[in-house]
Protein backbone atom coordinates (compact mmCIF):
# COMPACT_ATOMS: atom_id res chain seq x y z
CA UNK A 1 2.89 -14.05 12.53
CA UNK A 2 2.46 -10.93 10.64
CA UNK A 3 -0.59 -10.77 8.34
CA UNK A 4 -1.58 -8.11 6.05
CA UNK A 5 -5.04 -8.61 4.14
CA UNK A 6 -5.88 -6.07 1.49
CA UNK A 7 -9.29 -5.23 0.12
CA UNK A 8 -11.15 -2.87 -1.88
CA UNK A 9 -9.71 -3.42 -5.51
CA UNK A 10 -11.78 -3.50 -8.26
CA UNK A 11 -12.55 -2.28 -11.91
CA UNK A 12 -13.35 1.63 -12.60
CA UNK A 13 -13.57 3.95 -15.31
CA UNK A 14 -11.03 6.64 -15.89
CA UNK A 15 -11.67 9.56 -13.38
CA UNK A 16 -13.20 7.26 -10.87
CA UNK A 17 -12.33 6.48 -7.22
CA UNK A 18 -11.46 3.48 -5.01
CA UNK A 19 -10.38 3.01 -1.52
CA UNK A 20 -7.89 0.09 -0.64
CA UNK A 21 -7.79 -1.20 2.87
CA UNK A 22 -5.08 -3.52 4.63
CA UNK A 23 -6.02 -5.03 7.87
CA UNK A 24 -2.90 -5.89 9.94
CA UNK A 25 -2.53 -8.45 12.47
CA UNK A 26 0.20 -10.57 14.48
CA UNK A 27 2.45 -7.24 15.61
CA UNK A 28 1.72 -3.69 17.11
CA UNK A 29 0.59 -1.77 14.05
CA UNK A 30 1.44 1.59 15.50
CA UNK A 31 5.27 0.89 15.74
CA UNK A 32 6.26 0.43 11.99
CA UNK A 33 6.04 2.33 8.97
CA UNK A 34 3.53 1.14 6.33
CA UNK A 35 3.16 1.57 2.47
CA UNK A 36 1.65 0.75 -0.69
CA UNK A 37 3.31 -0.61 -3.72
CA UNK A 38 1.91 -1.68 -7.07
CA UNK A 39 3.15 -3.76 -9.78
CA UNK A 40 1.71 -3.59 -13.44
CA UNK A 41 2.29 -6.52 -15.80
CA UNK A 42 5.95 -6.69 -17.09
CA UNK A 43 6.91 -3.98 -14.86
CA UNK A 44 8.94 -3.84 -11.69
CA UNK A 45 7.16 -3.17 -8.08
CA UNK A 46 7.16 0.37 -7.27
CA UNK A 47 6.47 2.46 -4.21
CA UNK A 48 3.27 4.47 -4.27
CA UNK A 49 2.89 6.10 -0.94
CA UNK A 50 4.40 5.49 2.66
CA UNK A 51 3.29 6.71 5.96
CA UNK A 52 5.46 6.44 9.11
CA UNK A 53 4.63 6.20 12.98
CA UNK A 54 4.28 9.65 13.07
CA UNK A 55 1.76 9.67 10.22
CA UNK A 56 4.04 11.57 7.94
CA UNK A 57 3.41 10.70 4.34
CA UNK A 58 5.45 10.47 1.04
CA UNK A 59 3.94 9.94 -2.35
CA UNK A 60 5.44 9.01 -5.88
CA UNK A 61 5.20 11.84 -8.08
CA UNK A 62 2.94 9.79 -10.43
CA UNK A 63 0.23 9.76 -7.65
CA UNK A 64 0.81 13.14 -5.97
CA UNK A 65 -2.40 15.18 -5.47
CA UNK A 66 -4.69 12.10 -6.37
CA UNK A 67 -3.82 9.44 -3.70
CA UNK A 68 -4.13 9.81 -0.12
CA UNK A 69 -2.71 7.20 2.48
CA UNK A 70 -3.77 7.08 5.74
CA UNK A 71 -3.53 4.80 9.13
CA UNK A 72 -5.91 3.91 11.83
CA UNK A 73 -3.81 2.56 14.60
CA UNK A 74 -7.05 1.79 16.59
CA UNK A 75 -8.41 -0.60 13.75
CA UNK A 76 -4.80 -1.82 12.86
CA UNK A 77 -5.77 -0.59 9.26
CA UNK A 78 -4.06 1.17 6.31
CA UNK A 79 -5.98 2.86 3.70
CA UNK A 80 -5.18 4.32 0.14
CA UNK A 81 -7.85 6.69 -1.33
CA UNK A 82 -7.39 6.78 -4.74
CA UNK A 83 -9.02 9.63 -7.07
CA UNK A 84 -8.91 10.80 -10.54
CA UNK A 85 -7.82 7.28 -11.53
CA UNK A 86 -5.96 6.83 -14.85
CA UNK A 87 -5.60 3.73 -16.90
CA UNK A 88 -1.67 3.85 -15.99
CA UNK A 89 -2.61 3.19 -12.40
CA UNK A 90 -3.80 -0.27 -13.54
CA UNK A 91 -1.86 -2.78 -11.39
CA UNK A 92 -1.82 -5.22 -8.49
CA UNK A 93 -1.72 -3.13 -5.29
CA UNK A 94 0.23 -4.49 -2.33
CA UNK A 95 0.36 -3.49 1.36
CA UNK A 96 3.58 -3.42 2.90
CA UNK A 97 5.07 -3.13 6.39
CA UNK A 98 8.29 -2.61 7.83
CA UNK A 99 9.29 -5.90 9.39
CA UNK A 100 8.39 -5.50 13.22
CA UNK A 101 11.00 -6.08 15.73
CA UNK A 102 11.19 -9.93 16.58
CA UNK A 103 9.22 -10.90 13.60
CA UNK A 104 9.85 -12.93 10.70
CA UNK A 105 8.51 -12.21 7.07
CA UNK A 106 9.32 -14.17 4.34
CA UNK A 107 8.94 -11.61 1.62
CA UNK A 108 11.67 -9.97 -0.67
CA UNK A 109 12.70 -6.61 0.66
CA UNK A 110 11.88 -3.48 -1.16
CA UNK A 111 13.46 0.02 -0.07
CA UNK A 112 11.27 3.04 -0.43
CA UNK A 113 11.72 6.38 1.05
CA UNK A 114 14.68 4.84 2.92
CA UNK A 115 12.74 2.19 4.65
CA UNK A 116 12.90 -1.43 4.04
CA UNK A 117 9.51 -2.80 3.46
CA UNK A 118 9.63 -6.93 3.65
CA UNK A 119 6.28 -7.94 4.87
CA UNK A 120 3.49 -8.32 2.19
CA UNK A 121 -0.03 -8.85 1.59
CA UNK A 122 -1.49 -11.03 -0.95
CA UNK A 123 -2.37 -7.97 -3.20
CA UNK A 124 -5.65 -6.45 -4.60
CA UNK A 125 -6.17 -5.70 -8.38
CA UNK A 126 -6.81 -2.30 -9.60
CA UNK A 127 -8.09 -2.01 -13.10
CA UNK A 128 -8.82 1.56 -14.69
CA UNK A 129 -10.54 1.47 -18.23
CA UNK A 130 -10.48 4.55 -20.40
């Protein structure tokens, strides 16, 4: 079964940095696109950054130049390096995977950069204070 486990969230002051990690298991990690989403209280879930199987990346305008998404296929791990954090970055951050062929994921699907992401981790909270 597909399993995504996020870690690395926490509380930081404005201007600080955090590095999120997402450890994947249950499928061949290198064969699907991956992404980070976030959801703030009272707001809809939004795509933050995505990375495809060729490690090409796309970023939301709000994080461009501050966040870096990367993947280590040998470690089955997705990362999000977040720099120059702002209070508006406060949200629950979710790791997401494009559903691997032959696998089932129960989560609701969200399109981002033309890819349907339907496999989700439990989320990790990021809080940025001013």
